[in-house]
Amino acid sequence: MQNTRVFKMSFAGVYPHYVAKAEKKGRTREELDALIFWLTGYNAADLERILGDKTDFETFFAQAPQMNANVHKITGVICGYRVEDIEDPLMQKIRYLDKIVDELAKGKALDKIMRQ
């Protein structure tokens, strides 16, 4: 699978779609941001900088302060692939993010999404 195009996509270009997906289902940007912070270790100031700089996904995950220790507990299918079986580490991180955004939009409780 050719992933270069996805890796170079701007996080700022995709983020509004994540927000829209969450809000369309009655969730908030704050809940979405909390999940992003949980997954990556970023904080609000970091996120604003990333959005302003139009950081790509490759850099977004490469510079993440701390991927959550429970990330391996994120399982299931997203975009037709089981996230736990994705071999490319960067693509797997991107799909982890997609999966938790999807779970948020489906109404799952934050503590369940964060595998606490």
PDB file of N, CA and C in Angstrom:
ATOM      1  N   MET A   1       0.845  -1.181   0.000  1.00  0.00           N
ATOM      2  CA  MET A   1       0.000   0.000   0.000  1.00  0.00           C
ATOM      3  C   MET A   1       0.893   1.247   0.000  1.00  0.00           C
ATOM      4  N   GLN A   2       0.589   2.207  -0.883  1.00  0.00           N
ATOM      5  CA  GLN A   2       1.359   3.441  -0.982  1.00  0.00           C
ATOM      6  C   GLN A   2       0.800   4.451   0.016  1.00  0.00           C
ATOM      7  N   ASN A   3       1.590   4.752   1.042  1.00  0.00           N
ATOM      8  CA  ASN A   3       1.111   5.615   2.121  1.00  0.00           C
ATOM      9  C   ASN A   3       1.709   7.011   2.111  1.00  0.00           C
ATOM     10  N   THR A   4       2.661   7.265   1.220  1.00  0.00           N
ATOM     11  CA  THR A   4       3.373   8.529   1.222  1.00  0.00           C
ATOM     12  C   THR A   4       2.421   9.719   1.163  1.00  0.00           C
ATOM     13  N   ARG A   5       1.398   9.624   0.353  1.00  0.00           N
ATOM     14  CA  ARG A   5       0.457  10.725   0.206  1.00  0.00           C
ATOM     15  C   ARG A   5      -0.253  11.028   1.530  1.00  0.00           C
ATOM     16  N   VAL A   6      -0.657   9.993   2.231  1.00  0.00           N
ATOM     17  CA  VAL A   6      -1.329  10.164   3.521  1.00  0.00           C
ATOM     18  C   VAL A   6      -0.363  10.758   4.543  1.00  0.00           C
ATOM     19  N   PHE A   7       0.862  10.289   4.562  1.00  0.00           N
ATOM     20  CA  PHE A   7       1.841  10.758   5.534  1.00  0.00           C
ATOM     21  C   PHE A   7       2.123  12.248   5.371  1.00  0.00           C
ATOM     22  N   LYS A   8       2.047  12.740   4.144  1.00  0.00           N
ATOM     23  CA  LYS A   8       2.359  14.145   3.857  1.00  0.00           C
ATOM     24  C   LYS A   8       1.134  15.057   3.943  1.00  0.00           C
ATOM     25  N   MET A   9      -0.033  14.477   4.205  1.00  0.00           N
ATOM     26  CA  MET A   9      -1.240  15.298   4.364  1.00  0.00           C
ATOM     27  C   MET A   9      -1.105  16.155   5.615  1.00  0.00           C
ATOM     28  N   SER A  10      -1.591  17.372   5.523  1.00  0.00           N
ATOM     29  CA  SER A  10      -1.561  18.292   6.647  1.00  0.00           C
ATOM     30  C   SER A  10      -2.576  17.846   7.706  1.00  0.00           C
ATOM     31  N   PHE A  11      -2.119  17.772   8.941  1.00  0.00           N
ATOM     32  CA  PHE A  11      -3.037  17.458  10.033  1.00  0.00           C
ATOM     33  C   PHE A  11      -4.131  18.532  10.102  1.00  0.00           C
ATOM     34  N   ALA A  12      -3.748  19.780   9.850  1.00  0.00           N
ATOM     35  CA  ALA A  12      -4.710  20.894   9.869  1.00  0.00           C
ATOM     36  C   ALA A  12      -5.777  20.731   8.790  1.00  0.00           C
ATOM     37  N   GLY A  13      -5.452  20.047   7.714  1.00  0.00           N
ATOM     38  CA  GLY A  13      -6.420  19.814   6.654  1.00  0.00           C
ATOM     39  C   GLY A  13      -7.443  18.749   7.007  1.00  0.00           C
ATOM     40  N   VAL A  14      -7.071  17.830   7.877  1.00  0.00           N
ATOM     41  CA  VAL A  14      -7.947  16.725   8.259  1.00  0.00           C
ATOM     42  C   VAL A  14      -8.692  17.025   9.563  1.00  0.00           C
ATOM     43  N   TYR A  15      -8.067  17.786  10.437  1.00  0.00           N
ATOM     44  CA  TYR A  15      -8.642  18.094  11.751  1.00  0.00           C
ATOM     45  C   TYR A  15     -10.080  18.625  11.673  1.00  0.00           C
ATOM     46  N   PRO A  16     -10.382  19.577  10.766  1.00  0.00           N
ATOM     47  CA  PRO A  16     -11.775  20.049  10.694  1.00  0.00           C
ATOM     48  C   PRO A  16     -12.778  18.929  10.380  1.00  0.00           C
ATOM     49  N   HIS A  17     -12.336  17.928   9.647  1.00  0.00           N
ATOM     50  CA  HIS A  17     -13.210  16.786   9.345  1.00  0.00           C
ATOM     51  C   HIS A  17     -13.453  15.950  10.607  1.00  0.00           C
ATOM     52  N   TYR A  18     -12.406  15.804  11.427  1.00  0.00           N
ATOM     53  CA  TYR A  18     -12.573  15.114  12.708  1.00  0.00           C
ATOM     54  C   TYR A  18     -13.574  15.874  13.585  1.00  0.00           C
ATOM     55  N   VAL A  19     -13.407  17.202  13.651  1.00  0.00           N
ATOM     56  CA  VAL A  19     -14.305  18.037  14.461  1.00  0.00           C
ATOM     57  C   VAL A  19     -15.738  17.911  13.950  1.00  0.00           C
ATOM     58  N   ALA A  20     -15.913  18.026  12.639  1.00  0.00           N
ATOM     59  CA  ALA A  20     -17.255  17.949  12.045  1.00  0.00           C
ATOM     60  C   ALA A  20     -17.897  16.595  12.324  1.00  0.00           C
ATOM     61  N   LYS A  21     -17.123  15.530  12.213  1.00  0.00           N
ATOM     62  CA  LYS A  21     -17.658  14.190  12.461  1.00  0.00           C
ATOM     63  C   LYS A  21     -18.130  14.074  13.913  1.00  0.00           C
ATOM     64  N   ALA A  22     -17.337  14.579  14.835  1.00  0.00           N
ATOM     65  CA  ALA A  22     -17.700  14.523  16.245  1.00  0.00           C
ATOM     66  C   ALA A  22     -18.924  15.386  16.533  1.00  0.00           C
ATOM     67  N   GLU A  23     -18.910  16.617  16.048  1.00  0.00           N
ATOM     68  CA  GLU A  23     -20.006  17.553  16.337  1.00  0.00           C
ATOM     69  C   GLU A  23     -21.320  17.119  15.695  1.00  0.00           C
ATOM     70  N   LYS A  24     -21.225  16.496  14.523  1.00  0.00           N
ATOM     71  CA  LYS A  24     -22.434  16.020  13.848  1.00  0.00           C
ATOM     72  C   LYS A  24     -23.159  14.980  14.698  1.00  0.00           C
ATOM     73  N   LYS A  25     -22.405  14.302  15.536  1.00  0.00           N
ATOM     74  CA  LYS A  25     -22.974  13.265  16.393  1.00  0.00           C
ATOM     75  C   LYS A  25     -23.161  13.746  17.837  1.00  0.00           C
ATOM     76  N   GLY A  26     -23.110  15.083  18.024  1.00  0.00           N
ATOM     77  CA  GLY A  26     -23.370  15.637  19.346  1.00  0.00           C
ATOM     78  C   GLY A  26     -22.201  15.648  20.301  1.00  0.00           C
ATOM     79  N   ARG A  27     -21.009  15.404  19.803  1.00  0.00           N
ATOM     80  CA  ARG A  27     -19.816  15.450  20.644  1.00  0.00           C
ATOM     81  C   ARG A  27     -19.146  16.801  20.440  1.00  0.00           C
ATOM     82  N   THR A  28     -18.134  17.106  21.249  1.00  0.00           N
ATOM     83  CA  THR A  28     -17.517  18.428  21.197  1.00  0.00           C
ATOM     84  C   THR A  28     -16.072  18.385  20.726  1.00  0.00           C
ATOM     85  N   ARG A  29     -15.612  19.552  20.295  1.00  0.00           N
ATOM     86  CA  ARG A  29     -14.202  19.682  19.920  1.00  0.00           C
ATOM     87  C   ARG A  29     -13.318  19.405  21.137  1.00  0.00           C
ATOM     88  N   GLU A  30     -13.774  19.813  22.306  1.00  0.00           N
ATOM     89  CA  GLU A  30     -13.001  19.593  23.526  1.00  0.00           C
ATOM     90  C   GLU A  30     -12.811  18.101  23.797  1.00  0.00           C
ATOM     91  N   GLU A  31     -13.848  17.318  23.554  1.00  0.00           N
ATOM     92  CA  GLU A  31     -13.724  15.867  23.721  1.00  0.00           C
ATOM     93  C   GLU A  31     -12.743  15.294  22.703  1.00  0.00           C
ATOM     94  N   LEU A  32     -12.839  15.760  21.469  1.00  0.00           N
ATOM     95  CA  LEU A  32     -11.915  15.318  20.429  1.00  0.00           C
ATOM     96  C   LEU A  32     -10.485  15.662  20.825  1.00  0.00           C
ATOM     97  N   ASP A  33     -10.273  16.906  21.244  1.00  0.00           N
ATOM     98  CA  ASP A  33      -8.929  17.330  21.633  1.00  0.00           C
ATOM     99  C   ASP A  33      -8.403  16.494  22.796  1.00  0.00           C
ATOM    100  N   ALA A  34      -9.268  16.189  23.753  1.00  0.00           N
ATOM    101  CA  ALA A  34      -8.850  15.356  24.890  1.00  0.00           C
ATOM    102  C   ALA A  34      -8.344  13.997  24.412  1.00  0.00           C
ATOM    103  N   LEU A  35      -8.998  13.440  23.407  1.00  0.00           N
ATOM    104  CA  LEU A  35      -8.556  12.152  22.858  1.00  0.00           C
ATOM    105  C   LEU A  35      -7.214  12.290  22.143  1.00  0.00           C
ATOM    106  N   ILE A  36      -7.051  13.364  21.395  1.00  0.00           N
ATOM    107  CA  ILE A  36      -5.773  13.600  20.702  1.00  0.00           C
ATOM    108  C   ILE A  36      -4.654  13.753  21.733  1.00  0.00           C
ATOM    109  N   PHE A  37      -4.926  14.508  22.801  1.00  0.00           N
ATOM    110  CA  PHE A  37      -3.917  14.699  23.847  1.00  0.00           C
ATOM    111  C   PHE A  37      -3.599  13.371  24.534  1.00  0.00           C
ATOM    112  N   TRP A  38      -4.623  12.567  24.791  1.00  0.00           N
ATOM    113  CA  TRP A  38      -4.428  11.257  25.416  1.00  0.00           C
ATOM    114  C   TRP A  38      -3.559  10.369  24.529  1.00  0.00           C
ATOM    115  N   LEU A  39      -3.859  10.364  23.240  1.00  0.00           N
ATOM    116  CA  LEU A  39      -3.142   9.488  22.321  1.00  0.00           C
ATOM    117  C   LEU A  39      -1.685   9.893  22.139  1.00  0.00           C
ATOM    118  N   THR A  40      -1.436  11.196  22.012  1.00  0.00           N
ATOM    119  CA  THR A  40      -0.121  11.673  21.584  1.00  0.00           C
ATOM    120  C   THR A  40       0.729  12.357  22.648  1.00  0.00           C
ATOM    121  N   GLY A  41       0.103  12.827  23.711  1.00  0.00           N
ATOM    122  CA  GLY A  41       0.847  13.583  24.721  1.00  0.00           C
ATOM    123  C   GLY A  41       0.923  15.070  24.422  1.00  0.00           C
ATOM    124  N   TYR A  42       0.356  15.493  23.302  1.00  0.00           N
ATOM    125  CA  TYR A  42       0.317  16.926  23.004  1.00  0.00           C
ATOM    126  C   TYR A  42      -0.624  17.624  23.979  1.00  0.00           C
ATOM    127  N   ASN A  43      -0.531  18.971  24.025  1.00  0.00           N
ATOM    128  CA  ASN A  43      -1.458  19.774  24.819  1.00  0.00           C
ATOM    129  C   ASN A  43      -2.112  20.818  23.905  1.00  0.00           C
ATOM    130  N   ALA A  44      -2.941  21.677  24.466  1.00  0.00           N
ATOM    131  CA  ALA A  44      -3.701  22.647  23.667  1.00  0.00           C
ATOM    132  C   ALA A  44      -2.781  23.591  22.899  1.00  0.00           C
ATOM    133  N   ALA A  45      -1.730  24.069  23.540  1.00  0.00           N
ATOM    134  CA  ALA A  45      -0.793  24.985  22.865  1.00  0.00           C
ATOM    135  C   ALA A  45      -0.101  24.272  21.703  1.00  0.00           C
ATOM    136  N   ASP A  46       0.295  23.027  21.925  1.00  0.00           N
ATOM    137  CA  ASP A  46       0.919  22.239  20.856  1.00  0.00           C
ATOM    138  C   ASP A  46      -0.035  22.092  19.679  1.00  0.00           C
ATOM    139  N   LEU A  47      -1.291  21.768  19.967  1.00  0.00           N
ATOM    140  CA  LEU A  47      -2.267  21.553  18.904  1.00  0.00           C
ATOM    141  C   LEU A  47      -2.480  22.822  18.090  1.00  0.00           C
ATOM    142  N   GLU A  48      -2.582  23.951  18.739  1.00  0.00           N
ATOM    143  CA  GLU A  48      -2.756  25.220  18.011  1.00  0.00           C
ATOM    144  C   GLU A  48      -1.553  25.494  17.113  1.00  0.00           C
ATOM    145  N   ARG A  49      -0.347  25.213  17.610  1.00  0.00           N
ATOM    146  CA  ARG A  49       0.865  25.392  16.804  1.00  0.00           C
ATOM    147  C   ARG A  49       0.857  24.451  15.596  1.00  0.00           C
ATOM    148  N   ILE A  50       0.493  23.204  15.821  1.00  0.00           N
ATOM    149  CA  ILE A  50       0.452  22.201  14.753  1.00  0.00           C
ATOM    150  C   ILE A  50      -0.547  22.617  13.677  1.00  0.00           C
ATOM    151  N   LEU A  51      -1.705  23.092  14.106  1.00  0.00           N
ATOM    152  CA  LEU A  51      -2.722  23.523  13.149  1.00  0.00           C
ATOM    153  C   LEU A  51      -2.256  24.754  12.393  1.00  0.00           C
ATOM    154  N   GLY A  52      -1.616  25.670  13.075  1.00  0.00           N
ATOM    155  CA  GLY A  52      -1.122  26.882  12.429  1.00  0.00           C
ATOM    156  C   GLY A  52       0.022  26.626  11.460  1.00  0.00           C
ATOM    157  N   ASP A  53       0.885  25.684  11.820  1.00  0.00           N
ATOM    158  CA  ASP A  53       2.048  25.352  10.974  1.00  0.00           C
ATOM    159  C   ASP A  53       1.707  24.412   9.832  1.00  0.00           C
ATOM    160  N   LYS A  54       0.488  23.870   9.847  1.00  0.00           N
ATOM    161  CA  LYS A  54       0.061  22.888   8.852  1.00  0.00           C
ATOM    162  C   LYS A  54       1.000  21.666   8.825  1.00  0.00           C
ATOM    163  N   THR A  55       1.317  21.204  10.019  1.00  0.00           N
ATOM    164  CA  THR A  55       2.188  20.048  10.200  1.00  0.00           C
ATOM    165  C   THR A  55       1.588  18.819   9.531  1.00  0.00           C
ATOM    166  N   ASP A  56       2.428  18.047   8.834  1.00  0.00           N
ATOM    167  CA  ASP A  56       1.922  16.826   8.197  1.00  0.00           C
ATOM    168  C   ASP A  56       1.823  15.689   9.222  1.00  0.00           C
ATOM    169  N   PHE A  57       1.113  14.634   8.839  1.00  0.00           N
ATOM    170  CA  PHE A  57       0.900  13.517   9.761  1.00  0.00           C
ATOM    171  C   PHE A  57       2.208  12.859  10.176  1.00  0.00           C
ATOM    172  N   GLU A  58       3.134  12.748   9.248  1.00  0.00           N
ATOM    173  CA  GLU A  58       4.415  12.121   9.569  1.00  0.00           C
ATOM    174  C   GLU A  58       5.116  12.880  10.696  1.00  0.00           C
ATOM    175  N   THR A  59       5.179  14.189  10.575  1.00  0.00           N
ATOM    176  CA  THR A  59       5.805  15.030  11.598  1.00  0.00           C
ATOM    177  C   THR A  59       4.972  15.047  12.869  1.00  0.00           C
ATOM    178  N   PHE A  60       3.654  15.109  12.718  1.00  0.00           N
ATOM    179  CA  PHE A  60       2.745  15.118  13.864  1.00  0.00           C
ATOM    180  C   PHE A  60       3.036  13.939  14.789  1.00  0.00           C
ATOM    181  N   PHE A  61       3.151  12.751  14.222  1.00  0.00           N
ATOM    182  CA  PHE A  61       3.395  11.579  15.062  1.00  0.00           C
ATOM    183  C   PHE A  61       4.867  11.436  15.442  1.00  0.00           C
ATOM    184  N   ALA A  62       5.777  11.857  14.577  1.00  0.00           N
ATOM    185  CA  ALA A  62       7.207  11.763  14.897  1.00  0.00           C
ATOM    186  C   ALA A  62       7.560  12.658  16.089  1.00  0.00           C
ATOM    187  N   GLN A  63       6.887  13.792  16.197  1.00  0.00           N
ATOM    188  CA  GLN A  63       7.187  14.738  17.269  1.00  0.00           C
ATOM    189  C   GLN A  63       6.233  14.628  18.459  1.00  0.00           C
ATOM    190  N   ALA A  64       5.353  13.648  18.424  1.00  0.00           N
ATOM    191  CA  ALA A  64       4.417  13.471  19.544  1.00  0.00           C
ATOM    192  C   ALA A  64       5.210  13.261  20.829  1.00  0.00           C
ATOM    193  N   PRO A  65       4.892  14.026  21.856  1.00  0.00           N
ATOM    194  CA  PRO A  65       5.661  13.918  23.105  1.00  0.00           C
ATOM    195  C   PRO A  65       5.674  12.511  23.702  1.00  0.00           C
ATOM    196  N   GLN A  66       4.530  11.831  23.678  1.00  0.00           N
ATOM    197  CA  GLN A  66       4.460  10.503  24.288  1.00  0.00           C
ATOM    198  C   GLN A  66       3.216   9.780  23.812  1.00  0.00           C
ATOM    199  N   MET A  67       3.395   8.792  22.953  1.00  0.00           N
ATOM    200  CA  MET A  67       2.246   7.972  22.575  1.00  0.00           C
ATOM    201  C   MET A  67       1.787   7.236  23.831  1.00  0.00           C
ATOM    202  N   ASN A  68       0.488   7.172  24.020  1.00  0.00           N
ATOM    203  CA  ASN A  68      -0.077   6.565  25.214  1.00  0.00           C
ATOM    204  C   ASN A  68       0.305   5.092  25.318  1.00  0.00           C
ATOM    205  N   ALA A  69       0.605   4.670  26.526  1.00  0.00           N
ATOM    206  CA  ALA A  69       1.008   3.282  26.773  1.00  0.00           C
ATOM    207  C   ALA A  69      -0.114   2.289  26.464  1.00  0.00           C
ATOM    208  N   ASN A  70      -1.360   2.748  26.479  1.00  0.00           N
ATOM    209  CA  ASN A  70      -2.491   1.854  26.214  1.00  0.00           C
ATOM    210  C   ASN A  70      -2.910   1.836  24.751  1.00  0.00           C
ATOM    211  N   VAL A  71      -2.119   2.428  23.885  1.00  0.00           N
ATOM    212  CA  VAL A  71      -2.483   2.506  22.467  1.00  0.00           C
ATOM    213  C   VAL A  71      -2.682   1.110  21.866  1.00  0.00           C
ATOM    214  N   HIS A  72      -1.951   0.141  22.354  1.00  0.00           N
ATOM    215  CA  HIS A  72      -2.078  -1.234  21.842  1.00  0.00           C
ATOM    216  C   HIS A  72      -3.458  -1.835  22.126  1.00  0.00           C
ATOM    217  N   LYS A  73      -4.207  -1.221  23.044  1.00  0.00           N
ATOM    218  CA  LYS A  73      -5.546  -1.718  23.366  1.00  0.00           C
ATOM    219  C   LYS A  73      -6.606  -1.253  22.369  1.00  0.00           C
ATOM    220  N   ILE A  74      -6.205  -0.351  21.467  1.00  0.00           N
ATOM    221  CA  ILE A  74      -7.136   0.102  20.436  1.00  0.00           C
ATOM    222  C   ILE A  74      -7.186  -0.987  19.368  1.00  0.00           C
ATOM    223  N   THR A  75      -8.348  -1.569  19.211  1.00  0.00           N
ATOM    224  CA  THR A  75      -8.509  -2.659  18.246  1.00  0.00           C
ATOM    225  C   THR A  75      -9.776  -2.424  17.431  1.00  0.00           C
ATOM    226  N   GLY A  76      -9.890  -3.158  16.369  1.00  0.00           N
ATOM    227  CA  GLY A  76     -11.084  -3.070  15.548  1.00  0.00           C
ATOM    228  C   GLY A  76     -10.755  -2.699  14.121  1.00  0.00           C
ATOM    229  N   VAL A  77     -11.799  -2.490  13.341  1.00  0.00           N
ATOM    230  CA  VAL A  77     -11.644  -2.235  11.913  1.00  0.00           C
ATOM    231  C   VAL A  77     -11.897  -0.760  11.623  1.00  0.00           C
ATOM    232  N   ILE A  78     -11.010  -0.185  10.831  1.00  0.00           N
ATOM    233  CA  ILE A  78     -11.191   1.179  10.342  1.00  0.00           C
ATOM    234  C   ILE A  78     -10.703   1.203   8.894  1.00  0.00           C
ATOM    235  N   CYS A  79     -11.514   1.738   8.027  1.00  0.00           N
ATOM    236  CA  CYS A  79     -11.194   1.796   6.588  1.00  0.00           C
ATOM    237  C   CYS A  79     -10.884   0.414   6.016  1.00  0.00           C
ATOM    238  N   GLY A  80     -11.549  -0.601   6.548  1.00  0.00           N
ATOM    239  CA  GLY A  80     -11.393  -1.953   6.038  1.00  0.00           C
ATOM    240  C   GLY A  80     -10.187  -2.716   6.551  1.00  0.00           C
ATOM    241  N   TYR A  81      -9.441  -2.114   7.468  1.00  0.00           N
ATOM    242  CA  TYR A  81      -8.247  -2.768   8.016  1.00  0.00           C
ATOM    243  C   TYR A  81      -8.375  -2.889   9.526  1.00  0.00           C
ATOM    244  N   ARG A  82      -7.910  -4.015  10.066  1.00  0.00           N
ATOM    245  CA  ARG A  82      -7.841  -4.162  11.524  1.00  0.00           C
ATOM    246  C   ARG A  82      -6.649  -3.343  11.992  1.00  0.00           C
ATOM    247  N   VAL A  83      -6.876  -2.388  12.876  1.00  0.00           N
ATOM    248  CA  VAL A  83      -5.795  -1.497  13.291  1.00  0.00           C
ATOM    249  C   VAL A  83      -4.640  -2.250  13.948  1.00  0.00           C
ATOM    250  N   GLU A  84      -4.960  -3.301  14.656  1.00  0.00           N
ATOM    251  CA  GLU A  84      -3.899  -4.049  15.336  1.00  0.00           C
ATOM    252  C   GLU A  84      -3.024  -4.851  14.367  1.00  0.00           C
ATOM    253  N   ASP A  85      -3.467  -5.025  13.127  1.00  0.00           N
ATOM    254  CA  ASP A  85      -2.708  -5.799  12.137  1.00  0.00           C
ATOM    255  C   ASP A  85      -1.950  -4.940  11.125  1.00  0.00           C
ATOM    256  N   ILE A  86      -2.081  -3.627  11.212  1.00  0.00           N
ATOM    257  CA  ILE A  86      -1.397  -2.746  10.261  1.00  0.00           C
ATOM    258  C   ILE A  86       0.097  -2.786  10.561  1.00  0.00           C
ATOM    259  N   GLU A  87       0.888  -3.101   9.543  1.00  0.00           N
ATOM    260  CA  GLU A  87       2.322  -3.315   9.738  1.00  0.00           C
ATOM    261  C   GLU A  87       3.125  -2.025   9.782  1.00  0.00           C
ATOM    262  N   ASP A  88       2.761  -1.032   8.991  1.00  0.00           N
ATOM    263  CA  ASP A  88       3.506   0.224   8.979  1.00  0.00           C
ATOM    264  C   ASP A  88       3.207   0.998  10.264  1.00  0.00           C
ATOM    265  N   PRO A  89       4.220   1.282  11.095  1.00  0.00           N
ATOM    266  CA  PRO A  89       3.978   1.938  12.385  1.00  0.00           C
ATOM    267  C   PRO A  89       3.295   3.303  12.268  1.00  0.00           C
ATOM    268  N   LEU A  90       3.671   4.093  11.279  1.00  0.00           N
ATOM    269  CA  LEU A  90       3.049   5.401  11.119  1.00  0.00           C
ATOM    270  C   LEU A  90       1.598   5.276  10.679  1.00  0.00           C
ATOM    271  N   MET A  91       1.336   4.412   9.720  1.00  0.00           N
ATOM    272  CA  MET A  91      -0.052   4.212   9.278  1.00  0.00           C
ATOM    273  C   MET A  91      -0.891   3.677  10.430  1.00  0.00           C
ATOM    274  N   GLN A  92      -0.316   2.824  11.251  1.00  0.00           N
ATOM    275  CA  GLN A  92      -1.051   2.294  12.390  1.00  0.00           C
ATOM    276  C   GLN A  92      -1.421   3.419  13.354  1.00  0.00           C
ATOM    277  N   LYS A  93      -0.525   4.356  13.597  1.00  0.00           N
ATOM    278  CA  LYS A  93      -0.830   5.485  14.483  1.00  0.00           C
ATOM    279  C   LYS A  93      -1.936   6.351  13.891  1.00  0.00           C
ATOM    280  N   ILE A  94      -1.879   6.589  12.587  1.00  0.00           N
ATOM    281  CA  ILE A  94      -2.924   7.370  11.926  1.00  0.00           C
ATOM    282  C   ILE A  94      -4.267   6.667  12.070  1.00  0.00           C
ATOM    283  N   ARG A  95      -4.286   5.370  11.885  1.00  0.00           N
ATOM    284  CA  ARG A  95      -5.536   4.607  11.991  1.00  0.00           C
ATOM    285  C   ARG A  95      -6.012   4.507  13.444  1.00  0.00           C
ATOM    286  N   TYR A  96      -5.085   4.494  14.409  1.00  0.00           N
ATOM    287  CA  TYR A  96      -5.500   4.565  15.812  1.00  0.00           C
ATOM    288  C   TYR A  96      -6.293   5.848  16.032  1.00  0.00           C
ATOM    289  N   LEU A  97      -5.773   6.954  15.517  1.00  0.00           N
ATOM    290  CA  LEU A  97      -6.465   8.233  15.649  1.00  0.00           C
ATOM    291  C   LEU A  97      -7.828   8.180  14.965  1.00  0.00           C
ATOM    292  N   ASP A  98      -7.859   7.652  13.754  1.00  0.00           N
ATOM    293  CA  ASP A  98      -9.139   7.516  13.044  1.00  0.00           C
ATOM    294  C   ASP A  98     -10.127   6.679  13.858  1.00  0.00           C
ATOM    295  N   LYS A  99      -9.636   5.616  14.452  1.00  0.00           N
ATOM    296  CA  LYS A  99     -10.500   4.702  15.211  1.00  0.00           C
ATOM    297  C   LYS A  99     -11.090   5.379  16.434  1.00  0.00           C
ATOM    298  N   ILE A 100     -10.282   6.133  17.179  1.00  0.00           N
ATOM    299  CA  ILE A 100     -10.830   6.762  18.379  1.00  0.00           C
ATOM    300  C   ILE A 100     -11.780   7.910  18.020  1.00  0.00           C
ATOM    301  N   VAL A 101     -11.529   8.596  16.900  1.00  0.00           N
ATOM    302  CA  VAL A 101     -12.474   9.620  16.437  1.00  0.00           C
ATOM    303  C   VAL A 101     -13.789   8.948  16.066  1.00  0.00           C
ATOM    304  N   ASP A 102     -13.708   7.818  15.405  1.00  0.00           N
ATOM    305  CA  ASP A 102     -14.901   7.065  15.030  1.00  0.00           C
ATOM    306  C   ASP A 102     -15.683   6.620  16.278  1.00  0.00           C
ATOM    307  N   GLU A 103     -14.975   6.132  17.274  1.00  0.00           N
ATOM    308  CA  GLU A 103     -15.628   5.702  18.511  1.00  0.00           C
ATOM    309  C   GLU A 103     -16.296   6.883  19.212  1.00  0.00           C
ATOM    310  N   LEU A 104     -15.657   8.039  19.200  1.00  0.00           N
ATOM    311  CA  LEU A 104     -16.248   9.244  19.781  1.00  0.00           C
ATOM    312  C   LEU A 104     -17.552   9.583  19.071  1.00  0.00           C
ATOM    313  N   ALA A 105     -17.512   9.568  17.747  1.00  0.00           N
ATOM    314  CA  ALA A 105     -18.699   9.893  16.953  1.00  0.00           C
ATOM    315  C   ALA A 105     -19.822   8.877  17.151  1.00  0.00           C
ATOM    316  N   LYS A 106     -19.469   7.669  17.510  1.00  0.00           N
ATOM    317  CA  LYS A 106     -20.490   6.638  17.741  1.00  0.00           C
ATOM    318  C   LYS A 106     -21.065   6.691  19.147  1.00  0.00           C
ATOM    319  N   GLY A 107     -20.615   7.661  19.943  1.00  0.00           N
ATOM    320  CA  GLY A 107     -21.198   7.859  21.261  1.00  0.00           C
ATOM    321  C   GLY A 107     -20.522   7.127  22.402  1.00  0.00           C
ATOM    322  N   LYS A 108     -19.393   6.514  22.163  1.00  0.00           N
ATOM    323  CA  LYS A 108     -18.690   5.782  23.207  1.00  0.00           C
ATOM    324  C   LYS A 108     -18.162   6.766  24.251  1.00  0.00           C
ATOM    325  N   ALA A 109     -18.197   6.402  25.507  1.00  0.00           N
ATOM    326  CA  ALA A 109     -17.720   7.240  26.599  1.00  0.00           C
ATOM    327  C   ALA A 109     -16.213   7.448  26.502  1.00  0.00           C
ATOM    328  N   LEU A 110     -15.753   8.656  26.883  1.00  0.00           N
ATOM    329  CA  LEU A 110     -14.330   8.964  26.788  1.00  0.00           C
ATOM    330  C   LEU A 110     -13.453   7.979  27.552  1.00  0.00           C
ATOM    331  N   ASP A 111     -13.867   7.603  28.772  1.00  0.00           N
ATOM    332  CA  ASP A 111     -13.030   6.683  29.538  1.00  0.00           C
ATOM    333  C   ASP A 111     -12.920   5.321  28.872  1.00  0.00           C
ATOM    334  N   LYS A 112     -13.938   4.919  28.137  1.00  0.00           N
ATOM    335  CA  LYS A 112     -13.883   3.651  27.389  1.00  0.00           C
ATOM    336  C   LYS A 112     -12.973   3.788  26.176  1.00  0.00           C
ATOM    337  N   ILE A 113     -13.067   4.920  25.490  1.00  0.00           N
ATOM    338  CA  ILE A 113     -12.208   5.149  24.327  1.00  0.00           C
ATOM    339  C   ILE A 113     -10.746   5.189  24.754  1.00  0.00           C
ATOM    340  N   MET A 114     -10.497   5.787  25.920  1.00  0.00           N
ATOM    341  CA  MET A 114      -9.132   5.897  26.427  1.00  0.00           C
ATOM    342  C   MET A 114      -8.648   4.614  27.097  1.00  0.00           C
ATOM    343  N   ARG A 115      -9.471   3.580  27.016  1.00  0.00           N
ATOM    344  CA  ARG A 115      -9.109   2.252  27.542  1.00  0.00           C
ATOM    345  C   ARG A 115      -8.629   2.337  28.987  1.00  0.00           C
ATOM    346  N   GLN A 116      -9.415   3.038  29.813  1.00  0.00           N
ATOM    347  CA  GLN A 116      -9.039   3.201  31.236  1.00  0.00           C
ATOM    348  C   GLN A 116      -9.728   2.165  32.089  1.00  0.00           C
TER     349      GLN A 116
END
